[in-house]
Amino acid sequence: MQLGIHFVSFAFPGAPRSPRRWPRRPASPRRAAPPPSRCAAWYEREHLGLGVPFPPLAERSERLEETLQICLQMWSDDDGPFDGKHYQLAETICSPRPLSSPRPPILVGGGGERKTLRLVARYADACNLFASSPADVAHKLAVLDRHCETEGRDPATVERTLLAIGNPLGDPEGLVATMADDAALGISTVEDDDGRWHLLASEPHQAAA
């Protein structure tokens, strides 16, 4: 069994001021939830409702990349300083160390073709796309493959997952057919909007059960 942080927003209070808190969360079993570790800042209504600044998209992308860099540095043997555009840390010590070896897995969600999927190719262990249509998902995966090629990375090392919106039990037969199409594209896991994970690695009809 693998445990990790499910979903947190790096733009909520405390995160922009202290990004070093992020890598420490997967190190504590008391904070554990279904894997893998995910970070995001995309829902403007949620930010404004809590009185949290919602930076422009370009800045959010920059902050996300620096957060990923900080996580990877703090989970490595390099405990030196980090000097980024938005975050500056004198030290990048993570104690206690995460239980996951060599580090907690990172999933980056989103389908932005110029920035988000590039971050997946550069930093992440898994992507999480919206389950729009098989054709759209296939296109996004092709874009991801091209980013991997640019980064000198084997695309097969990136796990492909989807987020499906809606009731997965509303149309079981349609769900099975859709998951079969997803599995053919190399999708290993589909998450519904209630946070349940359906594994497609074996048989799609079992995942829909």
C-alpha atoms as a PDB file:
ATOM      1  CA  MET A   1       0.000   0.000   0.000  1.00  0.00           C
ATOM      2  CA  GLN A   2       1.257   3.452  -0.934  1.00  0.00           C
ATOM      3  CA  LEU A   3       0.190   6.559   0.926  1.00  0.00           C
ATOM      4  CA  GLY A   4       0.608  10.192   0.009  1.00  0.00           C
ATOM      5  CA  ILE A   5      -1.080  13.590  -0.166  1.00  0.00           C
ATOM      6  CA  HIS A   6      -4.126  13.489  -2.418  1.00  0.00           C
ATOM      7  CA  PHE A   7      -4.731  17.118  -3.403  1.00  0.00           C
ATOM      8  CA  VAL A   8      -3.710  20.499  -2.030  1.00  0.00           C
ATOM      9  CA  SER A   9      -3.493  23.997  -3.496  1.00  0.00           C
ATOM     10  CA  PHE A  10      -0.086  25.625  -3.473  1.00  0.00           C
ATOM     11  CA  ALA A  11      -1.745  29.071  -3.815  1.00  0.00           C
ATOM     12  CA  PHE A  12      -3.718  28.874  -0.568  1.00  0.00           C
ATOM     13  CA  PRO A  13      -2.596  30.769   2.556  1.00  0.00           C
ATOM     14  CA  GLY A  14       0.873  29.810   3.739  1.00  0.00           C
ATOM     15  CA  ALA A  15       1.896  28.068   0.530  1.00  0.00           C
ATOM     16  CA  PRO A  16       3.298  31.067  -1.382  1.00  0.00           C
ATOM     17  CA  ARG A  17       4.970  32.337   1.790  1.00  0.00           C
ATOM     18  CA  SER A  18       6.393  28.986   2.848  1.00  0.00           C
ATOM     19  CA  PRO A  19       6.643  26.473  -0.013  1.00  0.00           C
ATOM     20  CA  ARG A  20       9.034  24.346   2.041  1.00  0.00           C
ATOM     21  CA  ARG A  21       5.970  23.043   3.937  1.00  0.00           C
ATOM     22  CA  TRP A  22       4.912  21.122   0.827  1.00  0.00           C
ATOM     23  CA  PRO A  23       7.638  18.471   0.655  1.00  0.00           C
ATOM     24  CA  ARG A  24       7.245  17.721   4.364  1.00  0.00           C
ATOM     25  CA  ARG A  25       3.588  16.714   4.134  1.00  0.00           C
ATOM     26  CA  PRO A  26       4.127  13.372   2.352  1.00  0.00           C
ATOM     27  CA  ALA A  27       6.806  12.610   4.943  1.00  0.00           C
ATOM     28  CA  SER A  28       4.206  12.421   7.721  1.00  0.00           C
ATOM     29  CA  PRO A  29       1.896   9.353   7.843  1.00  0.00           C
ATOM     30  CA  ARG A  30      -0.517  11.410   9.962  1.00  0.00           C
ATOM     31  CA  ARG A  31      -1.332  13.460   6.852  1.00  0.00           C
ATOM     32  CA  ALA A  32      -1.587  10.519   4.504  1.00  0.00           C
ATOM     33  CA  ALA A  33      -4.329  10.119   1.887  1.00  0.00           C
ATOM     34  CA  PRO A  34      -4.605   8.185  -1.404  1.00  0.00           C
ATOM     35  CA  PRO A  35      -1.554   8.702  -3.656  1.00  0.00           C
ATOM     36  CA  PRO A  36       0.052  10.394  -5.428  1.00  0.00           C
ATOM     37  CA  SER A  37       1.025  13.912  -4.286  1.00  0.00           C
ATOM     38  CA  ARG A  38      -0.768  16.571  -6.318  1.00  0.00           C
ATOM     39  CA  CYS A  39      -0.706  20.341  -6.266  1.00  0.00           C
ATOM     40  CA  ALA A  40      -2.876  22.835  -8.065  1.00  0.00           C
ATOM     41  CA  ALA A  41      -4.204  26.378  -8.136  1.00  0.00           C
ATOM     42  CA  TRP A  42      -6.904  26.717 -10.758  1.00  0.00           C
ATOM     43  CA  TYR A  43     -10.293  27.366  -9.170  1.00  0.00           C
ATOM     44  CA  GLU A  44     -10.729  31.150  -9.020  1.00  0.00           C
ATOM     45  CA  ARG A  45     -14.071  31.023  -7.185  1.00  0.00           C
ATOM     46  CA  GLU A  46     -12.535  29.003  -4.361  1.00  0.00           C
ATOM     47  CA  HIS A  47      -9.658  31.450  -3.970  1.00  0.00           C
ATOM     48  CA  LEU A  48     -11.847  34.552  -4.013  1.00  0.00           C
ATOM     49  CA  GLY A  49     -14.333  32.954  -1.639  1.00  0.00           C
ATOM     50  CA  LEU A  50     -11.539  32.472   0.910  1.00  0.00           C
ATOM     51  CA  GLY A  51      -9.984  35.874   0.303  1.00  0.00           C
ATOM     52  CA  VAL A  52      -6.876  34.376  -1.263  1.00  0.00           C
ATOM     53  CA  PRO A  53      -5.117  36.192  -4.133  1.00  0.00           C
ATOM     54  CA  PHE A  54      -5.532  34.487  -7.501  1.00  0.00           C
ATOM     55  CA  PRO A  55      -2.503  35.396  -9.641  1.00  0.00           C
ATOM     56  CA  PRO A  56      -2.601  35.421 -13.450  1.00  0.00           C
ATOM     57  CA  LEU A  57      -2.119  32.103 -15.216  1.00  0.00           C
ATOM     58  CA  ALA A  58       1.488  32.830 -16.182  1.00  0.00           C
ATOM     59  CA  GLU A  59       2.437  33.510 -12.563  1.00  0.00           C
ATOM     60  CA  ARG A  60       0.593  30.426 -11.311  1.00  0.00           C
ATOM     61  CA  SER A  61       2.549  28.319 -13.805  1.00  0.00           C
ATOM     62  CA  GLU A  62       5.817  29.851 -12.619  1.00  0.00           C
ATOM     63  CA  ARG A  63       4.924  29.218  -8.984  1.00  0.00           C
ATOM     64  CA  LEU A  64       3.956  25.644  -9.771  1.00  0.00           C
ATOM     65  CA  GLU A  65       7.287  24.981 -11.474  1.00  0.00           C
ATOM     66  CA  GLU A  66       9.245  26.481  -8.587  1.00  0.00           C
ATOM     67  CA  THR A  67       7.187  24.450  -6.107  1.00  0.00           C
ATOM     68  CA  LEU A  68       8.026  21.273  -8.023  1.00  0.00           C
ATOM     69  CA  GLN A  69      11.703  22.226  -8.060  1.00  0.00           C
ATOM     70  CA  ILE A  70      11.657  22.861  -4.309  1.00  0.00           C
ATOM     71  CA  CYS A  71       9.949  19.518  -3.638  1.00  0.00           C
ATOM     72  CA  LEU A  72      12.486  17.616  -5.708  1.00  0.00           C
ATOM     73  CA  GLN A  73      15.401  19.423  -4.094  1.00  0.00           C
ATOM     74  CA  MET A  74      14.103  18.857  -0.572  1.00  0.00           C
ATOM     75  CA  TRP A  75      13.558  15.170  -1.308  1.00  0.00           C
ATOM     76  CA  SER A  76      17.120  14.854  -2.595  1.00  0.00           C
ATOM     77  CA  ASP A  77      20.479  14.997  -0.811  1.00  0.00           C
ATOM     78  CA  ASP A  78      20.816  18.683  -1.719  1.00  0.00           C
ATOM     79  CA  ASP A  79      19.793  20.751   1.302  1.00  0.00           C
ATOM     80  CA  GLY A  80      21.314  23.969  -0.006  1.00  0.00           C
ATOM     81  CA  PRO A  81      19.544  27.216  -0.849  1.00  0.00           C
ATOM     82  CA  PHE A  82      16.853  27.727  -3.490  1.00  0.00           C
ATOM     83  CA  ASP A  83      16.734  31.079  -5.255  1.00  0.00           C
ATOM     84  CA  GLY A  84      13.735  31.392  -7.544  1.00  0.00           C
ATOM     85  CA  LYS A  85      11.715  34.263  -8.939  1.00  0.00           C
ATOM     86  CA  HIS A  86       8.847  33.786  -6.459  1.00  0.00           C
ATOM     87  CA  TYR A  87      10.391  31.676  -3.675  1.00  0.00           C
ATOM     88  CA  GLN A  88      13.717  31.998  -1.873  1.00  0.00           C
ATOM     89  CA  LEU A  89      14.819  29.438   0.720  1.00  0.00           C
ATOM     90  CA  ALA A  90      18.069  29.609   2.680  1.00  0.00           C
ATOM     91  CA  GLU A  91      17.948  25.842   3.238  1.00  0.00           C
ATOM     92  CA  THR A  92      15.955  22.979   1.720  1.00  0.00           C
ATOM     93  CA  ILE A  93      16.029  20.485   4.567  1.00  0.00           C
ATOM     94  CA  CYS A  94      13.240  17.901   4.751  1.00  0.00           C
ATOM     95  CA  SER A  95      13.111  16.148   8.097  1.00  0.00           C
ATOM     96  CA  PRO A  96      11.752  13.564   8.615  1.00  0.00           C
ATOM     97  CA  ARG A  97      12.560  12.133   5.211  1.00  0.00           C
ATOM     98  CA  PRO A  98       9.655  10.726   3.165  1.00  0.00           C
ATOM     99  CA  LEU A  99       9.043   7.000   3.519  1.00  0.00           C
ATOM    100  CA  SER A 100       8.636   6.606  -0.245  1.00  0.00           C
ATOM    101  CA  SER A 101      11.790   5.594  -2.063  1.00  0.00           C
ATOM    102  CA  PRO A 102      13.472   7.270  -3.812  1.00  0.00           C
ATOM    103  CA  ARG A 103      10.850   9.999  -3.206  1.00  0.00           C
ATOM    104  CA  PRO A 104       7.073  10.503  -3.200  1.00  0.00           C
ATOM    105  CA  PRO A 105       5.558  10.310  -6.699  1.00  0.00           C
ATOM    106  CA  ILE A 106       4.422  13.555  -8.301  1.00  0.00           C
ATOM    107  CA  LEU A 107       1.276  13.933 -10.393  1.00  0.00           C
ATOM    108  CA  VAL A 108       0.638  17.154 -12.320  1.00  0.00           C
ATOM    109  CA  GLY A 109      -2.962  17.658 -13.395  1.00  0.00           C
ATOM    110  CA  GLY A 110      -4.120  19.641 -16.397  1.00  0.00           C
ATOM    111  CA  GLY A 111      -3.965  19.591 -20.158  1.00  0.00           C
ATOM    112  CA  GLY A 112      -2.312  22.896 -21.063  1.00  0.00           C
ATOM    113  CA  GLU A 113      -0.238  22.016 -24.085  1.00  0.00           C
ATOM    114  CA  ARG A 114       2.468  24.687 -23.870  1.00  0.00           C
ATOM    115  CA  LYS A 115       3.137  24.779 -20.129  1.00  0.00           C
ATOM    116  CA  THR A 116       1.368  22.142 -18.034  1.00  0.00           C
ATOM    117  CA  LEU A 117       2.253  19.119 -20.149  1.00  0.00           C
ATOM    118  CA  ARG A 118       5.803  20.420 -20.417  1.00  0.00           C
ATOM    119  CA  LEU A 119       5.970  20.437 -16.602  1.00  0.00           C
ATOM    120  CA  VAL A 120       4.690  16.851 -16.601  1.00  0.00           C
ATOM    121  CA  ALA A 121       7.455  15.786 -18.965  1.00  0.00           C
ATOM    122  CA  ARG A 122      10.095  17.638 -16.966  1.00  0.00           C
ATOM    123  CA  TYR A 123       9.128  16.855 -13.361  1.00  0.00           C
ATOM    124  CA  ALA A 124       6.185  14.494 -12.869  1.00  0.00           C
ATOM    125  CA  ASP A 125       5.704  10.762 -12.520  1.00  0.00           C
ATOM    126  CA  ALA A 126       2.112  10.953 -13.768  1.00  0.00           C
ATOM    127  CA  CYS A 127      -0.256  13.236 -15.648  1.00  0.00           C
ATOM    128  CA  ASN A 128      -3.945  13.748 -14.934  1.00  0.00           C
ATOM    129  CA  LEU A 129      -6.056  14.866 -17.901  1.00  0.00           C
ATOM    130  CA  PHE A 130      -9.755  15.656 -18.087  1.00  0.00           C
ATOM    131  CA  ALA A 131     -11.693  12.713 -19.559  1.00  0.00           C
ATOM    132  CA  SER A 132     -13.203  14.749 -22.397  1.00  0.00           C
ATOM    133  CA  SER A 133     -13.213  12.450 -25.431  1.00  0.00           C
ATOM    134  CA  PRO A 134     -10.878   9.686 -26.615  1.00  0.00           C
ATOM    135  CA  ALA A 135      -9.793  11.861 -29.540  1.00  0.00           C
ATOM    136  CA  ASP A 136      -8.950  14.822 -27.290  1.00  0.00           C
ATOM    137  CA  VAL A 137      -7.160  12.613 -24.763  1.00  0.00           C
ATOM    138  CA  ALA A 138      -5.145  10.990 -27.571  1.00  0.00           C
ATOM    139  CA  HIS A 139      -4.148  14.459 -28.801  1.00  0.00           C
ATOM    140  CA  LYS A 140      -3.047  15.561 -25.326  1.00  0.00           C
ATOM    141  CA  LEU A 141      -1.006  12.394 -24.890  1.00  0.00           C
ATOM    142  CA  ALA A 142       0.680  12.985 -28.251  1.00  0.00           C
ATOM    143  CA  VAL A 143       1.611  16.492 -27.101  1.00  0.00           C
ATOM    144  CA  LEU A 144       2.971  15.038 -23.868  1.00  0.00           C
ATOM    145  CA  ASP A 145       5.044  12.535 -25.852  1.00  0.00           C
ATOM    146  CA  ARG A 146       6.580  15.386 -27.848  1.00  0.00           C
ATOM    147  CA  HIS A 147       7.465  17.261 -24.657  1.00  0.00           C
ATOM    148  CA  CYS A 148       9.059  14.086 -23.309  1.00  0.00           C
ATOM    149  CA  GLU A 149      11.124  13.796 -26.483  1.00  0.00           C
ATOM    150  CA  THR A 150      12.284  17.408 -26.067  1.00  0.00           C
ATOM    151  CA  GLU A 151      13.213  16.716 -22.430  1.00  0.00           C
ATOM    152  CA  GLY A 152      15.059  13.520 -23.372  1.00  0.00           C
ATOM    153  CA  ARG A 153      12.632  11.391 -21.395  1.00  0.00           C
ATOM    154  CA  ASP A 154      11.006   8.083 -22.255  1.00  0.00           C
ATOM    155  CA  PRO A 155       7.232   8.781 -22.458  1.00  0.00           C
ATOM    156  CA  ALA A 156       6.586   5.307 -21.040  1.00  0.00           C
ATOM    157  CA  THR A 157       7.944   6.521 -17.677  1.00  0.00           C
ATOM    158  CA  VAL A 158       4.964   8.896 -17.282  1.00  0.00           C
ATOM    159  CA  GLU A 159       1.838   7.246 -15.897  1.00  0.00           C
ATOM    160  CA  ARG A 160      -1.304   8.444 -17.690  1.00  0.00           C
ATOM    161  CA  THR A 161      -4.436   9.074 -15.621  1.00  0.00           C
ATOM    162  CA  LEU A 162      -7.793  10.818 -16.176  1.00  0.00           C
ATOM    163  CA  LEU A 163     -10.279  12.820 -14.121  1.00  0.00           C
ATOM    164  CA  ALA A 164     -13.864  11.995 -15.073  1.00  0.00           C
ATOM    165  CA  ILE A 165     -16.647  14.427 -14.143  1.00  0.00           C
ATOM    166  CA  GLY A 166     -20.097  13.015 -13.393  1.00  0.00           C
ATOM    167  CA  ASN A 167     -21.719   9.971 -11.851  1.00  0.00           C
ATOM    168  CA  PRO A 168     -19.723   6.879 -12.887  1.00  0.00           C
ATOM    169  CA  LEU A 169     -22.742   4.641 -12.144  1.00  0.00           C
ATOM    170  CA  GLY A 170     -25.226   6.629 -14.212  1.00  0.00           C
ATOM    171  CA  ASP A 171     -24.423   4.619 -17.345  1.00  0.00           C
ATOM    172  CA  PRO A 172     -22.409   1.508 -16.415  1.00  0.00           C
ATOM    173  CA  GLU A 173     -22.307   0.119 -19.962  1.00  0.00           C
ATOM    174  CA  GLY A 174     -21.196   3.438 -21.379  1.00  0.00           C
ATOM    175  CA  LEU A 175     -18.599   3.705 -18.631  1.00  0.00           C
ATOM    176  CA  VAL A 176     -17.173   0.285 -19.511  1.00  0.00           C
ATOM    177  CA  ALA A 177     -16.966   1.229 -23.200  1.00  0.00           C
ATOM    178  CA  THR A 178     -15.298   4.552 -22.395  1.00  0.00           C
ATOM    179  CA  MET A 179     -12.804   2.932 -20.051  1.00  0.00           C
ATOM    180  CA  ALA A 180     -11.948   0.372 -22.725  1.00  0.00           C
ATOM    181  CA  ASP A 181     -11.128   3.258 -25.068  1.00  0.00           C
ATOM    182  CA  ASP A 182      -9.096   4.933 -22.319  1.00  0.00           C
ATOM    183  CA  ALA A 183      -7.157   1.761 -21.600  1.00  0.00           C
ATOM    184  CA  ALA A 184      -6.338   1.410 -25.304  1.00  0.00           C
ATOM    185  CA  LEU A 185      -4.723   4.857 -25.141  1.00  0.00           C
ATOM    186  CA  GLY A 186      -2.500   3.748 -22.272  1.00  0.00           C
ATOM    187  CA  ILE A 187      -4.569   5.258 -19.450  1.00  0.00           C
ATOM    188  CA  SER A 188      -3.892   3.296 -16.285  1.00  0.00           C
ATOM    189  CA  THR A 189      -6.279   5.005 -13.873  1.00  0.00           C
ATOM    190  CA  VAL A 190      -9.475   7.047 -13.970  1.00  0.00           C
ATOM    191  CA  GLU A 191     -10.539   9.146 -10.982  1.00  0.00           C
ATOM    192  CA  ASP A 192     -14.125  10.304 -10.673  1.00  0.00           C
ATOM    193  CA  ASP A 193     -15.016  13.636  -9.100  1.00  0.00           C
ATOM    194  CA  ASP A 194     -15.748  11.956  -5.757  1.00  0.00           C
ATOM    195  CA  GLY A 195     -12.089  11.033  -5.492  1.00  0.00           C
ATOM    196  CA  ARG A 196     -12.490   7.306  -6.253  1.00  0.00           C
ATOM    197  CA  TRP A 197      -9.766   5.684  -8.317  1.00  0.00           C
ATOM    198  CA  HIS A 198     -10.578   3.040 -10.927  1.00  0.00           C
ATOM    199  CA  LEU A 199      -7.610   1.017 -12.166  1.00  0.00           C
ATOM    200  CA  LEU A 200      -7.658   0.092 -15.839  1.00  0.00           C
ATOM    201  CA  ALA A 201      -4.400  -1.843 -15.868  1.00  0.00           C
ATOM    202  CA  SER A 202      -6.220  -5.189 -15.761  1.00  0.00           C
ATOM    203  CA  GLU A 203      -9.767  -5.201 -17.123  1.00  0.00           C
ATOM    204  CA  PRO A 204     -11.990  -2.128 -17.717  1.00  0.00           C
ATOM    205  CA  HIS A 205     -15.151  -3.989 -16.674  1.00  0.00           C
ATOM    206  CA  GLN A 206     -13.603  -4.699 -13.264  1.00  0.00           C
ATOM    207  CA  ALA A 207     -12.802  -1.014 -12.809  1.00  0.00           C
ATOM    208  CA  ALA A 208     -16.427  -0.086 -13.443  1.00  0.00           C
ATOM    209  CA  ALA A 209     -17.743  -2.578 -10.926  1.00  0.00           C
END
